[in-house]
Protein backbone atom coordinates (compact mmCIF):
# COMPACT_ATOMS: atom_id res chain seq x y z
CA UNK A 1 0.00 0.00 0.00
CA UNK A 2 1.31 3.43 -0.96
CA UNK A 3 0.14 6.83 0.20
CA UNK A 4 -1.72 8.46 -2.70
CA UNK A 5 0.47 11.56 -2.37
CA UNK A 6 3.59 9.50 -3.16
CA UNK A 7 2.33 8.31 -6.56
CA UNK A 8 3.05 10.80 -9.30
CA UNK A 9 0.16 9.48 -11.40
CA UNK A 10 -2.27 10.36 -8.61
CA UNK A 11 -0.99 13.86 -7.91
CA UNK A 12 -4.03 16.01 -7.16
CA UNK A 13 -6.47 13.10 -7.28
CA UNK A 14 -9.47 12.70 -5.03
CA UNK A 15 -9.98 9.48 -3.04
CA UNK A 16 -12.74 8.55 -5.49
CA UNK A 17 -10.44 9.00 -8.49
CA UNK A 18 -7.70 6.98 -6.80
CA UNK A 19 -10.16 4.18 -6.07
CA UNK A 20 -11.15 3.93 -9.76
CA UNK A 21 -8.37 1.74 -11.14
CA UNK A 22 -7.86 -1.35 -13.26
CA UNK A 23 -5.14 -3.96 -13.04
CA UNK A 24 -3.73 -5.09 -16.38
CA UNK A 25 -4.60 -8.51 -17.74
CA UNK A 26 -1.23 -9.94 -16.70
CA UNK A 27 -1.20 -8.10 -13.36
CA UNK A 28 1.87 -6.05 -14.21
CA UNK A 29 0.44 -2.53 -14.07
CA UNK A 30 -2.31 -0.39 -12.61
CA UNK A 31 -4.27 2.16 -14.63
CA UNK A 32 -6.36 4.94 -13.04
CA UNK A 33 -9.04 5.59 -15.62
CA UNK A 34 -10.22 8.97 -14.35
CA UNK A 35 -6.66 10.28 -14.12
CA UNK A 36 -5.60 8.68 -17.43
CA UNK A 37 -2.37 7.62 -15.71
CA UNK A 38 -0.73 4.38 -14.70
CA UNK A 39 2.20 2.70 -12.98
CA UNK A 40 4.09 -0.53 -13.55
CA UNK A 41 3.89 -2.72 -10.45
CA UNK A 42 7.56 -3.69 -10.71
CA UNK A 43 8.57 -0.04 -10.37
CA UNK A 44 6.22 0.50 -7.44
CA UNK A 45 7.57 -2.57 -5.63
CA UNK A 46 11.08 -1.18 -6.09
CA UNK A 47 9.97 2.13 -4.57
CA UNK A 48 9.85 4.09 -7.85
CA UNK A 49 6.55 5.94 -7.84
CA UNK A 50 7.30 8.57 -10.48
CA UNK A 51 9.97 9.99 -12.74
CA UNK A 52 13.44 11.02 -11.53
CA UNK A 53 12.40 14.58 -10.71
CA UNK A 54 9.42 13.29 -8.70
CA UNK A 55 11.58 10.82 -6.77
CA UNK A 56 14.15 13.53 -5.95
CA UNK A 57 11.36 15.72 -4.57
CA UNK A 58 10.09 12.85 -2.39
CA UNK A 59 13.60 12.28 -1.05
CA UNK A 60 13.95 15.95 -0.13
CA UNK A 61 10.63 15.83 1.74
CA UNK A 62 11.69 12.68 3.63
CA UNK A 63 15.02 14.23 4.65
CA UNK A 64 13.28 17.38 5.88
CA UNK A 65 10.83 15.35 8.00
PDB file of N, CA and C in Angstrom:
ATOM      1  N   UNK A   1       0.852  -1.176   0.000  1.00  0.00           N
ATOM      2  CA  UNK A   1       0.000   0.000   0.000  1.00  0.00           C
ATOM      3  C   UNK A   1       0.900   1.243   0.000  1.00  0.00           C
ATOM      4  N   UNK A   2       0.540   2.207  -0.822  1.00  0.00           N
ATOM      5  CA  UNK A   2       1.311   3.433  -0.963  1.00  0.00           C
ATOM      6  C   UNK A   2       0.408   4.616  -0.665  1.00  0.00           C
ATOM      7  N   UNK A   3       0.934   5.608   0.041  1.00  0.00           N
ATOM      8  CA  UNK A   3       0.138   6.826   0.205  1.00  0.00           C
ATOM      9  C   UNK A   3      -0.129   7.453  -1.171  1.00  0.00           C
ATOM     10  N   UNK A   4      -1.338   7.866  -1.406  1.00  0.00           N
ATOM     11  CA  UNK A   4      -1.719   8.459  -2.696  1.00  0.00           C
ATOM     12  C   UNK A   4      -0.802   9.615  -3.072  1.00  0.00           C
ATOM     13  N   UNK A   5      -0.373  10.393  -2.087  1.00  0.00           N
ATOM     14  CA  UNK A   5       0.466  11.563  -2.367  1.00  0.00           C
ATOM     15  C   UNK A   5       1.837  11.181  -2.907  1.00  0.00           C
ATOM     16  N   UNK A   6       2.265   9.925  -2.702  1.00  0.00           N
ATOM     17  CA  UNK A   6       3.587   9.499  -3.162  1.00  0.00           C
ATOM     18  C   UNK A   6       3.586   8.967  -4.588  1.00  0.00           C
ATOM     19  N   UNK A   7       2.418   8.813  -5.187  1.00  0.00           N
ATOM     20  CA  UNK A   7       2.328   8.307  -6.557  1.00  0.00           C
ATOM     21  C   UNK A   7       2.144   9.469  -7.516  1.00  0.00           C
ATOM     22  N   UNK A   8       3.102   9.672  -8.372  1.00  0.00           N
ATOM     23  CA  UNK A   8       3.050  10.800  -9.299  1.00  0.00           C
ATOM     24  C   UNK A   8       1.777  10.766 -10.139  1.00  0.00           C
ATOM     25  N   UNK A   9       1.363   9.593 -10.555  1.00  0.00           N
ATOM     26  CA  UNK A   9       0.162   9.478 -11.400  1.00  0.00           C
ATOM     27  C   UNK A   9      -1.092   9.978 -10.691  1.00  0.00           C
ATOM     28  N   UNK A  10      -1.080   9.970  -9.365  1.00  0.00           N
ATOM     29  CA  UNK A  10      -2.271  10.359  -8.612  1.00  0.00           C
ATOM     30  C   UNK A  10      -2.168  11.755  -8.006  1.00  0.00           C
ATOM     31  N   UNK A  11      -1.156  12.500  -8.417  1.00  0.00           N
ATOM     32  CA  UNK A  11      -0.987  13.860  -7.906  1.00  0.00           C
ATOM     33  C   UNK A  11      -2.275  14.661  -8.131  1.00  0.00           C
ATOM     34  N   UNK A  12      -2.818  15.189  -7.068  1.00  0.00           N
ATOM     35  CA  UNK A  12      -4.026  16.011  -7.157  1.00  0.00           C
ATOM     36  C   UNK A  12      -5.320  15.222  -7.277  1.00  0.00           C
ATOM     37  N   UNK A  13      -5.257  13.902  -7.145  1.00  0.00           N
ATOM     38  CA  UNK A  13      -6.472  13.097  -7.284  1.00  0.00           C
ATOM     39  C   UNK A  13      -7.308  13.122  -6.009  1.00  0.00           C
ATOM     40  N   UNK A  14      -8.577  12.865  -6.179  1.00  0.00           N
ATOM     41  CA  UNK A  14      -9.471  12.696  -5.033  1.00  0.00           C
ATOM     42  C   UNK A  14      -9.443  11.223  -4.625  1.00  0.00           C
ATOM     43  N   UNK A  15      -9.903  10.901  -3.428  1.00  0.00           N
ATOM     44  CA  UNK A  15      -9.982   9.483  -3.038  1.00  0.00           C
ATOM     45  C   UNK A  15     -10.826   8.664  -4.023  1.00  0.00           C
ATOM     46  N   UNK A  16     -11.876   9.262  -4.539  1.00  0.00           N
ATOM     47  CA  UNK A  16     -12.740   8.552  -5.493  1.00  0.00           C
ATOM     48  C   UNK A  16     -11.993   8.259  -6.789  1.00  0.00           C
ATOM     49  N   UNK A  17     -11.218   9.222  -7.273  1.00  0.00           N
ATOM     50  CA  UNK A  17     -10.435   9.005  -8.492  1.00  0.00           C
ATOM     51  C   UNK A  17      -9.368   7.933  -8.262  1.00  0.00           C
ATOM     52  N   UNK A  18      -8.731   7.965  -7.109  1.00  0.00           N
ATOM     53  CA  UNK A  18      -7.697   6.977  -6.799  1.00  0.00           C
ATOM     54  C   UNK A  18      -8.282   5.570  -6.674  1.00  0.00           C
ATOM     55  N   UNK A  19      -9.517   5.485  -6.230  1.00  0.00           N
ATOM     56  CA  UNK A  19     -10.164   4.182  -6.071  1.00  0.00           C
ATOM     57  C   UNK A  19     -10.637   3.592  -7.394  1.00  0.00           C
ATOM     58  N   UNK A  20     -10.685   4.382  -8.451  1.00  0.00           N
ATOM     59  CA  UNK A  20     -11.151   3.934  -9.762  1.00  0.00           C
ATOM     60  C   UNK A  20      -9.956   3.493 -10.599  1.00  0.00           C
ATOM     61  N   UNK A  21      -9.526   2.240 -10.415  1.00  0.00           N
ATOM     62  CA  UNK A  21      -8.369   1.737 -11.140  1.00  0.00           C
ATOM     63  C   UNK A  21      -8.648   0.360 -11.715  1.00  0.00           C
ATOM     64  N   UNK A  22      -7.803  -0.017 -12.656  1.00  0.00           N
ATOM     65  CA  UNK A  22      -7.861  -1.348 -13.257  1.00  0.00           C
ATOM     66  C   UNK A  22      -6.462  -1.937 -13.223  1.00  0.00           C
ATOM     67  N   UNK A  23      -6.404  -3.236 -12.990  1.00  0.00           N
ATOM     68  CA  UNK A  23      -5.137  -3.960 -13.041  1.00  0.00           C
ATOM     69  C   UNK A  23      -5.055  -4.619 -14.404  1.00  0.00           C
ATOM     70  N   UNK A  24      -3.898  -4.531 -15.027  1.00  0.00           N
ATOM     71  CA  UNK A  24      -3.735  -5.086 -16.375  1.00  0.00           C
ATOM     72  C   UNK A  24      -4.001  -6.589 -16.385  1.00  0.00           C
ATOM     73  N   UNK A  25      -4.271  -7.101 -17.554  1.00  0.00           N
ATOM     74  CA  UNK A  25      -4.598  -8.511 -17.741  1.00  0.00           C
ATOM     75  C   UNK A  25      -3.566  -9.434 -17.103  1.00  0.00           C
ATOM     76  N   UNK A  26      -2.300  -9.101 -17.248  1.00  0.00           N
ATOM     77  CA  UNK A  26      -1.230  -9.942 -16.698  1.00  0.00           C
ATOM     78  C   UNK A  26      -0.816  -9.519 -15.288  1.00  0.00           C
ATOM     79  N   UNK A  27      -1.487  -8.536 -14.717  1.00  0.00           N
ATOM     80  CA  UNK A  27      -1.204  -8.102 -13.361  1.00  0.00           C
ATOM     81  C   UNK A  27       0.101  -7.362 -13.202  1.00  0.00           C
ATOM     82  N   UNK A  28       0.567  -6.714 -14.272  1.00  0.00           N
ATOM     83  CA  UNK A  28       1.867  -6.046 -14.208  1.00  0.00           C
ATOM     84  C   UNK A  28       1.775  -4.527 -14.067  1.00  0.00           C
ATOM     85  N   UNK A  29       0.583  -3.987 -14.195  1.00  0.00           N
ATOM     86  CA  UNK A  29       0.444  -2.532 -14.074  1.00  0.00           C
ATOM     87  C   UNK A  29      -0.955  -2.179 -13.557  1.00  0.00           C
ATOM     88  N   UNK A  30      -1.041  -0.947 -13.088  1.00  0.00           N
ATOM     89  CA  UNK A  30      -2.311  -0.393 -12.607  1.00  0.00           C
ATOM     90  C   UNK A  30      -2.603   0.849 -13.438  1.00  0.00           C
ATOM     91  N   UNK A  31      -3.859   1.011 -13.843  1.00  0.00           N
ATOM     92  CA  UNK A  31      -4.273   2.164 -14.630  1.00  0.00           C
ATOM     93  C   UNK A  31      -5.438   2.844 -13.918  1.00  0.00           C
ATOM     94  N   UNK A  32      -5.286   4.147 -13.659  1.00  0.00           N
ATOM     95  CA  UNK A  32      -6.356   4.943 -13.045  1.00  0.00           C
ATOM     96  C   UNK A  32      -7.112   5.630 -14.168  1.00  0.00           C
ATOM     97  N   UNK A  33      -8.300   5.146 -14.439  1.00  0.00           N
ATOM     98  CA  UNK A  33      -9.042   5.586 -15.616  1.00  0.00           C
ATOM     99  C   UNK A  33      -9.402   7.063 -15.570  1.00  0.00           C
ATOM    100  N   UNK A  34      -9.834   7.562 -14.425  1.00  0.00           N
ATOM    101  CA  UNK A  34     -10.224   8.972 -14.346  1.00  0.00           C
ATOM    102  C   UNK A  34      -9.029   9.907 -14.468  1.00  0.00           C
ATOM    103  N   UNK A  35      -7.862   9.445 -14.064  1.00  0.00           N
ATOM    104  CA  UNK A  35      -6.660  10.277 -14.120  1.00  0.00           C
ATOM    105  C   UNK A  35      -5.911  10.081 -15.442  1.00  0.00           C
ATOM    106  N   UNK A  36      -6.279   9.033 -16.191  1.00  0.00           N
ATOM    107  CA  UNK A  36      -5.602   8.675 -17.427  1.00  0.00           C
ATOM    108  C   UNK A  36      -4.094   8.527 -17.198  1.00  0.00           C
ATOM    109  N   UNK A  37      -3.766   7.834 -16.121  1.00  0.00           N
ATOM    110  CA  UNK A  37      -2.374   7.622 -15.712  1.00  0.00           C
ATOM    111  C   UNK A  37      -2.213   6.193 -15.209  1.00  0.00           C
ATOM    112  N   UNK A  38      -0.982   5.712 -15.197  1.00  0.00           N
ATOM    113  CA  UNK A  38      -0.727   4.375 -14.702  1.00  0.00           C
ATOM    114  C   UNK A  38       0.671   4.208 -14.163  1.00  0.00           C
ATOM    115  N   UNK A  39       0.888   3.062 -13.529  1.00  0.00           N
ATOM    116  CA  UNK A  39       2.198   2.699 -12.984  1.00  0.00           C
ATOM    117  C   UNK A  39       2.431   1.217 -13.210  1.00  0.00           C
ATOM    118  N   UNK A  40       3.675   0.871 -13.479  1.00  0.00           N
ATOM    119  CA  UNK A  40       4.093  -0.525 -13.549  1.00  0.00           C
ATOM    120  C   UNK A  40       4.305  -1.019 -12.123  1.00  0.00           C
ATOM    121  N   UNK A  41       3.765  -2.194 -11.805  1.00  0.00           N
ATOM    122  CA  UNK A  41       3.892  -2.721 -10.450  1.00  0.00           C
ATOM    123  C   UNK A  41       5.344  -2.995 -10.070  1.00  0.00           C
ATOM    124  N   UNK A  42       6.150  -3.443 -11.014  1.00  0.00           N
ATOM    125  CA  UNK A  42       7.556  -3.695 -10.711  1.00  0.00           C
ATOM    126  C   UNK A  42       8.240  -2.429 -10.190  1.00  0.00           C
ATOM    127  N   UNK A  43       7.989  -1.304 -10.825  1.00  0.00           N
ATOM    128  CA  UNK A  43       8.569  -0.037 -10.368  1.00  0.00           C
ATOM    129  C   UNK A  43       8.071   0.322  -8.973  1.00  0.00           C
ATOM    130  N   UNK A  44       6.783   0.162  -8.746  1.00  0.00           N
ATOM    131  CA  UNK A  44       6.220   0.500  -7.442  1.00  0.00           C
ATOM    132  C   UNK A  44       6.832  -0.369  -6.346  1.00  0.00           C
ATOM    133  N   UNK A  45       6.989  -1.661  -6.615  1.00  0.00           N
ATOM    134  CA  UNK A  45       7.574  -2.569  -5.629  1.00  0.00           C
ATOM    135  C   UNK A  45       9.024  -2.237  -5.339  1.00  0.00           C
ATOM    136  N   UNK A  46       9.695  -1.604  -6.286  1.00  0.00           N
ATOM    137  CA  UNK A  46      11.079  -1.178  -6.086  1.00  0.00           C
ATOM    138  C   UNK A  46      11.158   0.243  -5.514  1.00  0.00           C
ATOM    139  N   UNK A  47      10.003   0.813  -5.188  1.00  0.00           N
ATOM    140  CA  UNK A  47       9.974   2.133  -4.571  1.00  0.00           C
ATOM    141  C   UNK A  47       9.975   3.284  -5.550  1.00  0.00           C
ATOM    142  N   UNK A  48       9.886   3.017  -6.847  1.00  0.00           N
ATOM    143  CA  UNK A  48       9.849   4.087  -7.852  1.00  0.00           C
ATOM    144  C   UNK A  48       8.389   4.406  -8.152  1.00  0.00           C
ATOM    145  N   UNK A  49       7.960   5.558  -7.699  1.00  0.00           N
ATOM    146  CA  UNK A  49       6.553   5.940  -7.837  1.00  0.00           C
ATOM    147  C   UNK A  49       6.355   7.133  -8.762  1.00  0.00           C
ATOM    148  N   UNK A  50       7.375   7.464  -9.532  1.00  0.00           N
ATOM    149  CA  UNK A  50       7.303   8.573 -10.475  1.00  0.00           C
ATOM    150  C   UNK A  50       8.618   8.701 -11.219  1.00  0.00           C
ATOM    151  N   UNK A  51       8.733   9.776 -11.992  1.00  0.00           N
ATOM    152  CA  UNK A  51       9.966   9.988 -12.740  1.00  0.00           C
ATOM    153  C   UNK A  51      11.095  10.453 -11.804  1.00  0.00           C
ATOM    154  N   UNK A  52      12.282  10.657 -12.357  1.00  0.00           N
ATOM    155  CA  UNK A  52      13.442  11.015 -11.531  1.00  0.00           C
ATOM    156  C   UNK A  52      13.234  12.307 -10.748  1.00  0.00           C
ATOM    157  N   UNK A  53      12.656  13.306 -11.386  1.00  0.00           N
ATOM    158  CA  UNK A  53      12.399  14.579 -10.713  1.00  0.00           C
ATOM    159  C   UNK A  53      11.433  14.375  -9.536  1.00  0.00           C
ATOM    160  N   UNK A  54      10.401  13.578  -9.747  1.00  0.00           N
ATOM    161  CA  UNK A  54       9.423  13.286  -8.701  1.00  0.00           C
ATOM    162  C   UNK A  54      10.089  12.573  -7.519  1.00  0.00           C
ATOM    163  N   UNK A  55      10.920  11.586  -7.823  1.00  0.00           N
ATOM    164  CA  UNK A  55      11.581  10.824  -6.773  1.00  0.00           C
ATOM    165  C   UNK A  55      12.551  11.702  -5.983  1.00  0.00           C
ATOM    166  N   UNK A  56      13.246  12.613  -6.650  1.00  0.00           N
ATOM    167  CA  UNK A  56      14.149  13.533  -5.955  1.00  0.00           C
ATOM    168  C   UNK A  56      13.367  14.434  -5.005  1.00  0.00           C
ATOM    169  N   UNK A  57      12.198  14.896  -5.432  1.00  0.00           N
ATOM    170  CA  UNK A  57      11.365  15.723  -4.569  1.00  0.00           C
ATOM    171  C   UNK A  57      10.914  14.929  -3.337  1.00  0.00           C
ATOM    172  N   UNK A  58      10.503  13.687  -3.524  1.00  0.00           N
ATOM    173  CA  UNK A  58      10.085  12.853  -2.385  1.00  0.00           C
ATOM    174  C   UNK A  58      11.226  12.662  -1.408  1.00  0.00           C
ATOM    175  N   UNK A  59      12.438  12.455  -1.926  1.00  0.00           N
ATOM    176  CA  UNK A  59      13.596  12.276  -1.047  1.00  0.00           C
ATOM    177  C   UNK A  59      13.869  13.524  -0.232  1.00  0.00           C
ATOM    178  N   UNK A  60      13.733  14.699  -0.857  1.00  0.00           N
ATOM    179  CA  UNK A  60      13.945  15.954  -0.127  1.00  0.00           C
ATOM    180  C   UNK A  60      12.919  16.112   0.978  1.00  0.00           C
ATOM    181  N   UNK A  61      11.690  15.734   0.726  1.00  0.00           N
ATOM    182  CA  UNK A  61      10.626  15.831   1.739  1.00  0.00           C
ATOM    183  C   UNK A  61      10.922  14.873   2.889  1.00  0.00           C
ATOM    184  N   UNK A  62      11.377  13.643   2.586  1.00  0.00           N
ATOM    185  CA  UNK A  62      11.688  12.681   3.626  1.00  0.00           C
ATOM    186  C   UNK A  62      12.848  13.142   4.492  1.00  0.00           C
ATOM    187  N   UNK A  63      13.862  13.741   3.894  1.00  0.00           N
ATOM    188  CA  UNK A  63      15.020  14.229   4.645  1.00  0.00           C
ATOM    189  C   UNK A  63      14.607  15.372   5.558  1.00  0.00           C
ATOM    190  N   UNK A  64      13.720  16.225   5.082  1.00  0.00           N
ATOM    191  CA  UNK A  64      13.279  17.377   5.876  1.00  0.00           C
ATOM    192  C   UNK A  64      12.401  16.943   7.049  1.00  0.00           C
ATOM    193  N   UNK A  65      11.749  15.809   6.946  1.00  0.00           N
ATOM    194  CA  UNK A  65      10.832  15.350   7.998  1.00  0.00           C
ATOM    195  C   UNK A  65      11.525  14.759   9.162  1.00  0.00           C
TER     196      UNK A  65
END
